[in-house]
PDB file of N, CA and C in Angstrom:
ATOM      1  N   MET A   1     -10.230   9.338  -7.372  1.00  0.00           N
ATOM      2  CA  MET A   1      -9.553   8.617  -8.423  1.00  0.00           C
ATOM      3  C   MET A   1      -9.660   9.452  -9.697  1.00  0.00           C
ATOM      4  N   ALA A   2      -8.623   9.467 -10.479  1.00  0.00           N
ATOM      5  CA  ALA A   2      -8.577  10.241 -11.710  1.00  0.00           C
ATOM      6  C   ALA A   2      -9.382   9.560 -12.815  1.00  0.00           C
ATOM      7  N   ALA A   3      -9.765  10.347 -13.794  1.00  0.00           N
ATOM      8  CA  ALA A   3     -10.499   9.828 -14.951  1.00  0.00           C
ATOM      9  C   ALA A   3      -9.691  10.122 -16.211  1.00  0.00           C
ATOM     10  N   LEU A   4      -9.895   9.288 -17.216  1.00  0.00           N
ATOM     11  CA  LEU A   4      -9.197   9.449 -18.482  1.00  0.00           C
ATOM     12  C   LEU A   4     -10.182   9.156 -19.602  1.00  0.00           C
ATOM     13  N   LEU A   5     -10.269  10.054 -20.557  1.00  0.00           N
ATOM     14  CA  LEU A   5     -11.132   9.860 -21.720  1.00  0.00           C
ATOM     15  C   LEU A   5     -10.231   9.586 -22.917  1.00  0.00           C
ATOM     16  N   ILE A   6     -10.476   8.485 -23.598  1.00  0.00           N
ATOM     17  CA  ILE A   6      -9.681   8.133 -24.778  1.00  0.00           C
ATOM     18  C   ILE A   6     -10.569   8.330 -25.992  1.00  0.00           C
ATOM     19  N   LYS A   7     -10.122   9.164 -26.917  1.00  0.00           N
ATOM     20  CA  LYS A   7     -10.913   9.493 -28.106  1.00  0.00           C
ATOM     21  C   LYS A   7     -10.352   8.789 -29.333  1.00  0.00           C
ATOM     22  N   SER A   8     -11.207   8.604 -30.291  1.00  0.00           N
ATOM     23  CA  SER A   8     -10.840   8.101 -31.619  1.00  0.00           C
ATOM     24  C   SER A   8     -10.115   6.757 -31.580  1.00  0.00           C
ATOM     25  N   ILE A   9     -10.633   5.821 -30.786  1.00  0.00           N
ATOM     26  CA  ILE A   9     -10.053   4.477 -30.746  1.00  0.00           C
ATOM     27  C   ILE A   9     -10.433   3.763 -32.041  1.00  0.00           C
ATOM     28  N   PRO A  10      -9.466   3.218 -32.757  1.00  0.00           N
ATOM     29  CA  PRO A  10      -9.805   2.474 -33.970  1.00  0.00           C
ATOM     30  C   PRO A  10     -10.773   1.333 -33.635  1.00  0.00           C
ATOM     31  N   LEU A  11     -11.721   1.109 -34.520  1.00  0.00           N
ATOM     32  CA  LEU A  11     -12.765   0.117 -34.301  1.00  0.00           C
ATOM     33  C   LEU A  11     -12.185  -1.263 -33.987  1.00  0.00           C
ATOM     34  N   GLY A  12     -11.131  -1.658 -34.683  1.00  0.00           N
ATOM     35  CA  GLY A  12     -10.529  -2.974 -34.451  1.00  0.00           C
ATOM     36  C   GLY A  12      -9.984  -3.114 -33.037  1.00  0.00           C
ATOM     37  N   ILE A  13      -9.335  -2.072 -32.529  1.00  0.00           N
ATOM     38  CA  ILE A  13      -8.798  -2.111 -31.158  1.00  0.00           C
ATOM     39  C   ILE A  13      -9.948  -2.160 -30.163  1.00  0.00           C
ATOM     40  N   HIS A  14     -10.979  -1.376 -30.412  1.00  0.00           N
ATOM     41  CA  HIS A  14     -12.141  -1.366 -29.519  1.00  0.00           C
ATOM     42  C   HIS A  14     -12.782  -2.752 -29.460  1.00  0.00           C
ATOM     43  N   GLN A  15     -12.932  -3.390 -30.599  1.00  0.00           N
ATOM     44  CA  GLN A  15     -13.540  -4.727 -30.637  1.00  0.00           C
ATOM     45  C   GLN A  15     -12.664  -5.759 -29.923  1.00  0.00           C
ATOM     46  N   ARG A  16     -11.352  -5.694 -30.147  1.00  0.00           N
ATOM     47  CA  ARG A  16     -10.447  -6.637 -29.474  1.00  0.00           C
ATOM     48  C   ARG A  16     -10.452  -6.428 -27.967  1.00  0.00           C
ATOM     49  N   LEU A  17     -10.504  -5.165 -27.552  1.00  0.00           N
ATOM     50  CA  LEU A  17     -10.557  -4.868 -26.122  1.00  0.00           C
ATOM     51  C   LEU A  17     -11.849  -5.401 -25.507  1.00  0.00           C
ATOM     52  N   ARG A  18     -12.953  -5.217 -26.197  1.00  0.00           N
ATOM     53  CA  ARG A  18     -14.246  -5.701 -25.705  1.00  0.00           C
ATOM     54  C   ARG A  18     -14.227  -7.224 -25.565  1.00  0.00           C
ATOM     55  N   LEU A  19     -13.707  -7.909 -26.575  1.00  0.00           N
ATOM     56  CA  LEU A  19     -13.638  -9.378 -26.526  1.00  0.00           C
ATOM     57  C   LEU A  19     -12.702  -9.866 -25.415  1.00  0.00           C
ATOM     58  N   GLN A  20     -11.563  -9.196 -25.248  1.00  0.00           N
ATOM     59  CA  GLN A  20     -10.621  -9.590 -24.196  1.00  0.00           C
ATOM     60  C   GLN A  20     -11.257  -9.365 -22.823  1.00  0.00           C
ATOM     61  N   ALA A  21     -11.953  -8.256 -22.643  1.00  0.00           N
ATOM     62  CA  ALA A  21     -12.626  -7.986 -21.367  1.00  0.00           C
ATOM     63  C   ALA A  21     -13.670  -9.061 -21.081  1.00  0.00           C
ATOM     64  N   GLU A  22     -14.419  -9.455 -22.097  1.00  0.00           N
ATOM     65  CA  GLU A  22     -15.415 -10.516 -21.918  1.00  0.00           C
ATOM     66  C   GLU A  22     -14.754 -11.835 -21.517  1.00  0.00           C
ATOM     67  N   ARG A  23     -13.640 -12.166 -22.161  1.00  0.00           N
ATOM     68  CA  ARG A  23     -12.932 -13.406 -21.833  1.00  0.00           C
ATOM     69  C   ARG A  23     -12.460 -13.422 -20.381  1.00  0.00           C
ATOM     70  N   HIS A  24     -12.075 -12.256 -19.874  1.00  0.00           N
ATOM     71  CA  HIS A  24     -11.576 -12.158 -18.505  1.00  0.00           C
ATOM     72  C   HIS A  24     -12.681 -11.808 -17.503  1.00  0.00           C
ATOM     73  N   HIS A  25     -13.916 -11.731 -17.991  1.00  0.00           N
ATOM     74  CA  HIS A  25     -15.068 -11.400 -17.135  1.00  0.00           C
ATOM     75  C   HIS A  25     -14.859 -10.066 -16.426  1.00  0.00           C
ATOM     76  N   ARG A  26     -14.416  -9.064 -17.197  1.00  0.00           N
ATOM     77  CA  ARG A  26     -14.179  -7.725 -16.668  1.00  0.00           C
ATOM     78  C   ARG A  26     -14.937  -6.712 -17.515  1.00  0.00           C
ATOM     79  N   SER A  27     -15.130  -5.537 -16.944  1.00  0.00           N
ATOM     80  CA  SER A  27     -15.633  -4.427 -17.741  1.00  0.00           C
ATOM     81  C   SER A  27     -14.494  -3.961 -18.649  1.00  0.00           C
ATOM     82  N   MET A  28     -14.824  -3.209 -19.670  1.00  0.00           N
ATOM     83  CA  MET A  28     -13.775  -2.686 -20.542  1.00  0.00           C
ATOM     84  C   MET A  28     -12.877  -1.740 -19.757  1.00  0.00           C
ATOM     85  N   ASN A  29     -13.454  -0.953 -18.866  1.00  0.00           N
ATOM     86  CA  ASN A  29     -12.667  -0.044 -18.044  1.00  0.00           C
ATOM     87  C   ASN A  29     -11.653  -0.807 -17.198  1.00  0.00           C
ATOM     88  N   ARG A  30     -12.108  -1.868 -16.521  1.00  0.00           N
ATOM     89  CA  ARG A  30     -11.211  -2.666 -15.675  1.00  0.00           C
ATOM     90  C   ARG A  30     -10.137  -3.340 -16.518  1.00  0.00           C
ATOM     91  N   GLU A  31     -10.501  -3.764 -17.725  1.00  0.00           N
ATOM     92  CA  GLU A  31      -9.526  -4.406 -18.620  1.00  0.00           C
ATOM     93  C   GLU A  31      -8.430  -3.419 -19.015  1.00  0.00           C
ATOM     94  N   VAL A  32      -8.810  -2.192 -19.348  1.00  0.00           N
ATOM     95  CA  VAL A  32      -7.822  -1.169 -19.713  1.00  0.00           C
ATOM     96  C   VAL A  32      -6.896  -0.889 -18.535  1.00  0.00           C
ATOM     97  N   ILE A  33      -7.456  -0.757 -17.333  1.00  0.00           N
ATOM     98  CA  ILE A  33      -6.629  -0.509 -16.149  1.00  0.00           C
ATOM     99  C   ILE A  33      -5.660  -1.658 -15.920  1.00  0.00           C
ATOM    100  N   THR A  34      -6.135  -2.893 -16.077  1.00  0.00           N
ATOM    101  CA  THR A  34      -5.276  -4.064 -15.897  1.00  0.00           C
ATOM    102  C   THR A  34      -4.136  -4.060 -16.906  1.00  0.00           C
ATOM    103  N   ILE A  35      -4.431  -3.739 -18.152  1.00  0.00           N
ATOM    104  CA  ILE A  35      -3.402  -3.682 -19.201  1.00  0.00           C
ATOM    105  C   ILE A  35      -2.375  -2.596 -18.874  1.00  0.00           C
ATOM    106  N   LEU A  36      -2.858  -1.423 -18.458  1.00  0.00           N
ATOM    107  CA  LEU A  36      -1.938  -0.331 -18.129  1.00  0.00           C
ATOM    108  C   LEU A  36      -1.064  -0.682 -16.930  1.00  0.00           C
ATOM    109  N   GLU A  37      -1.642  -1.302 -15.909  1.00  0.00           N
ATOM    110  CA  GLU A  37      -0.854  -1.712 -14.742  1.00  0.00           C
ATOM    111  C   GLU A  37       0.240  -2.692 -15.153  1.00  0.00           C
ATOM    112  N   LYS A  38      -0.117  -3.644 -16.009  1.00  0.00           N
ATOM    113  CA  LYS A  38       0.850  -4.644 -16.451  1.00  0.00           C
ATOM    114  C   LYS A  38       1.973  -3.987 -17.267  1.00  0.00           C
ATOM    115  N   GLU A  39       1.606  -3.116 -18.182  1.00  0.00           N
ATOM    116  CA  GLU A  39       2.591  -2.495 -19.068  1.00  0.00           C
ATOM    117  C   GLU A  39       3.442  -1.446 -18.366  1.00  0.00           C
ATOM    118  N   LEU A  40       2.859  -0.713 -17.432  1.00  0.00           N
ATOM    119  CA  LEU A  40       3.591   0.355 -16.760  1.00  0.00           C
ATOM    120  C   LEU A  40       4.279  -0.113 -15.493  1.00  0.00           C
ATOM    121  N   GLY A  41       3.977  -1.328 -15.087  1.00  0.00           N
ATOM    122  CA  GLY A  41       4.572  -1.858 -13.870  1.00  0.00           C
ATOM    123  C   GLY A  41       3.838  -1.367 -12.642  1.00  0.00           C
ATOM    124  N   GLY A  42       3.914  -2.151 -11.621  1.00  0.00           N
ATOM    125  CA  GLY A  42       3.260  -1.757 -10.370  1.00  0.00           C
ATOM    126  C   GLY A  42       1.761  -1.816 -10.490  1.00  0.00           C
ATOM    127  N   GLY A  43       1.147  -0.762 -10.138  1.00  0.00           N
ATOM    128  CA  GLY A  43      -0.298  -0.695 -10.136  1.00  0.00           C
ATOM    129  C   GLY A  43      -0.752   0.169  -8.994  1.00  0.00           C
ATOM    130  N   ALA A  44      -1.963  -0.001  -8.619  1.00  0.00           N
ATOM    131  CA  ALA A  44      -2.525   0.786  -7.533  1.00  0.00           C
ATOM    132  C   ALA A  44      -1.914   0.350  -6.206  1.00  0.00           C
ATOM    133  N   PRO A  45      -1.866   1.263  -5.247  1.00  0.00           N
ATOM    134  CA  PRO A  45      -1.402   0.871  -3.912  1.00  0.00           C
ATOM    135  C   PRO A  45      -2.260  -0.259  -3.365  1.00  0.00           C
ATOM    136  N   ALA A  46      -1.714  -1.024  -2.454  1.00  0.00           N
ATOM    137  CA  ALA A  46      -2.425  -2.169  -1.885  1.00  0.00           C
ATOM    138  C   ALA A  46      -3.805  -1.772  -1.415  1.00  0.00           C
ATOM    139  N   GLY A  47      -4.781  -2.553  -1.785  1.00  0.00           N
ATOM    140  CA  GLY A  47      -6.143  -2.328  -1.331  1.00  0.00           C
ATOM    141  C   GLY A  47      -6.967  -1.428  -2.225  1.00  0.00           C
ATOM    142  N   VAL A  48      -6.355  -0.742  -3.178  1.00  0.00           N
ATOM    143  CA  VAL A  48      -7.101   0.163  -4.045  1.00  0.00           C
ATOM    144  C   VAL A  48      -7.560  -0.610  -5.273  1.00  0.00           C
ATOM    145  N   GLY A  49      -8.857  -0.767  -5.400  1.00  0.00           N
ATOM    146  CA  GLY A  49      -9.414  -1.463  -6.546  1.00  0.00           C
ATOM    147  C   GLY A  49      -9.306  -2.964  -6.495  1.00  0.00           C
ATOM    148  N   ARG A  50      -8.816  -3.488  -5.405  1.00  0.00           N
ATOM    149  CA  ARG A  50      -8.682  -4.934  -5.262  1.00  0.00           C
ATOM    150  C   ARG A  50      -9.205  -5.345  -3.895  1.00  0.00           C
ATOM    151  N   PRO A  51      -9.778  -6.541  -3.793  1.00  0.00           N
ATOM    152  CA  PRO A  51     -10.218  -6.983  -2.470  1.00  0.00           C
ATOM    153  C   PRO A  51      -9.017  -7.265  -1.575  1.00  0.00           C
ATOM    154  N   VAL A  52      -9.153  -6.954  -0.314  1.00  0.00           N
ATOM    155  CA  VAL A  52      -8.104  -7.237   0.657  1.00  0.00           C
ATOM    156  C   VAL A  52      -8.420  -8.582   1.303  1.00  0.00           C
ATOM    157  N   VAL A  53      -7.494  -9.499   1.235  1.00  0.00           N
ATOM    158  CA  VAL A  53      -7.694 -10.829   1.789  1.00  0.00           C
ATOM    159  C   VAL A  53      -6.767 -10.983   2.993  1.00  0.00           C
ATOM    160  N   PRO A  54      -7.338 -11.151   4.195  1.00  0.00           N
ATOM    161  CA  PRO A  54      -6.486 -11.284   5.373  1.00  0.00           C
ATOM    162  C   PRO A  54      -5.678 -12.578   5.336  1.00  0.00           C
ATOM    163  N   SER A  55      -4.485 -12.543   5.925  1.00  0.00           N
ATOM    164  CA  SER A  55      -3.633 -13.724   5.930  1.00  0.00           C
ATOM    165  C   SER A  55      -4.071 -14.745   6.973  1.00  0.00           C
ATOM    166  N   LYS A  56      -4.864 -14.315   7.940  1.00  0.00           N
ATOM    167  CA  LYS A  56      -5.395 -15.227   8.949  1.00  0.00           C
ATOM    168  C   LYS A  56      -6.799 -14.756   9.324  1.00  0.00           C
ATOM    169  N   PRO A  57      -7.605 -15.619   9.910  1.00  0.00           N
ATOM    170  CA  PRO A  57      -8.958 -15.217  10.287  1.00  0.00           C
ATOM    171  C   PRO A  57      -8.934 -14.026  11.250  1.00  0.00           C
ATOM    172  N   LEU A  58      -9.898 -13.138  11.083  1.00  0.00           N
ATOM    173  CA  LEU A  58      -9.989 -11.961  11.937  1.00  0.00           C
ATOM    174  C   LEU A  58     -10.850 -12.285  13.150  1.00  0.00           C
ATOM    175  N   SER A  59     -10.394 -11.874  14.315  1.00  0.00           N
ATOM    176  CA  SER A  59     -11.171 -12.119  15.531  1.00  0.00           C
ATOM    177  C   SER A  59     -12.279 -11.082  15.652  1.00  0.00           C
ATOM    178  N   ALA A  60     -13.321 -11.424  16.372  1.00  0.00           N
ATOM    179  CA  ALA A  60     -14.426 -10.495  16.603  1.00  0.00           C
ATOM    180  C   ALA A  60     -13.923  -9.252  17.330  1.00  0.00           C
ATOM    181  N   ALA A  61     -12.990  -9.423  18.246  1.00  0.00           N
ATOM    182  CA  ALA A  61     -12.439  -8.281  18.982  1.00  0.00           C
ATOM    183  C   ALA A  61     -11.711  -7.325  18.033  1.00  0.00           C
ATOM    184  N   TRP A  62     -10.941  -7.877  17.100  1.00  0.00           N
ATOM    185  CA  TRP A  62     -10.231  -7.040  16.138  1.00  0.00           C
ATOM    186  C   TRP A  62     -11.220  -6.249  15.279  1.00  0.00           C
ATOM    187  N   VAL A  63     -12.270  -6.913  14.825  1.00  0.00           N
ATOM    188  CA  VAL A  63     -13.280  -6.250  13.990  1.00  0.00           C
ATOM    189  C   VAL A  63     -13.935  -5.119  14.779  1.00  0.00           C
ATOM    190  N   ARG A  64     -14.316  -5.384  16.040  1.00  0.00           N
ATOM    191  CA  ARG A  64     -14.943  -4.342  16.864  1.00  0.00           C
ATOM    192  C   ARG A  64     -14.004  -3.155  17.056  1.00  0.00           C
ATOM    193  N   GLU A  65     -12.760  -3.435  17.387  1.00  0.00           N
ATOM    194  CA  GLU A  65     -11.787  -2.370  17.640  1.00  0.00           C
ATOM    195  C   GLU A  65     -11.517  -1.551  16.378  1.00  0.00           C
ATOM    196  N   THR A  66     -11.369  -2.219  15.264  1.00  0.00           N
ATOM    197  CA  THR A  66     -11.116  -1.525  14.002  1.00  0.00           C
ATOM    198  C   THR A  66     -12.316  -0.683  13.597  1.00  0.00           C
ATOM    199  N   THR A  67     -13.506  -1.234  13.748  1.00  0.00           N
ATOM    200  CA  THR A  67     -14.720  -0.496  13.419  1.00  0.00           C
ATOM    201  C   THR A  67     -14.835   0.745  14.297  1.00  0.00           C
ATOM    202  N   ARG A  68     -14.556   0.596  15.570  1.00  0.00           N
ATOM    203  CA  ARG A  68     -14.616   1.734  16.503  1.00  0.00           C
ATOM    204  C   ARG A  68     -13.593   2.793  16.095  1.00  0.00           C
ATOM    205  N   ALA A  69     -12.372   2.380  15.772  1.00  0.00           N
ATOM    206  CA  ALA A  69     -11.329   3.326  15.389  1.00  0.00           C
ATOM    207  C   ALA A  69     -11.701   4.071  14.106  1.00  0.00           C
ATOM    208  N   LEU A  70     -12.250   3.373  13.141  1.00  0.00           N
ATOM    209  CA  LEU A  70     -12.662   4.014  11.893  1.00  0.00           C
ATOM    210  C   LEU A  70     -13.783   5.013  12.140  1.00  0.00           C
ATOM    211  N   ARG A  71     -14.733   4.621  12.961  1.00  0.00           N
ATOM    212  CA  ARG A  71     -15.854   5.503  13.273  1.00  0.00           C
ATOM    213  C   ARG A  71     -15.371   6.756  13.994  1.00  0.00           C
ATOM    214  N   ASP A  72     -14.433   6.612  14.929  1.00  0.00           N
ATOM    215  CA  ASP A  72     -13.917   7.741  15.700  1.00  0.00           C
ATOM    216  C   ASP A  72     -13.086   8.697  14.858  1.00  0.00           C
ATOM    217  N   ASN A  73     -12.496   8.215  13.767  1.00  0.00           N
ATOM    218  CA  ASN A  73     -11.643   9.046  12.929  1.00  0.00           C
ATOM    219  C   ASN A  73     -12.364   9.717  11.772  1.00  0.00           C
ATOM    220  N   ARG A  74     -13.673   9.657  11.750  1.00  0.00           N
ATOM    221  CA  ARG A  74     -14.420  10.291  10.651  1.00  0.00           C
ATOM    222  C   ARG A  74     -14.380  11.770  10.734  1.00  0.00           C
TER     223      ARG A  74
END
């Protein structure tokens, strides 16, 4: 994942960002990413930085098979 360093942020913007992050129970970094995703449209590809929630319960067989496939592809 890429990194970005932002320099010389005006104190007022920094304080507002900190307060907004606290209100949303996020880190300042996560808050900035959320704002950028909203403003730039889209966001990270599915599953990147977000929990994946299955649409139906996963069977034990599926979990075993997927785990085996992941292990074999290392």
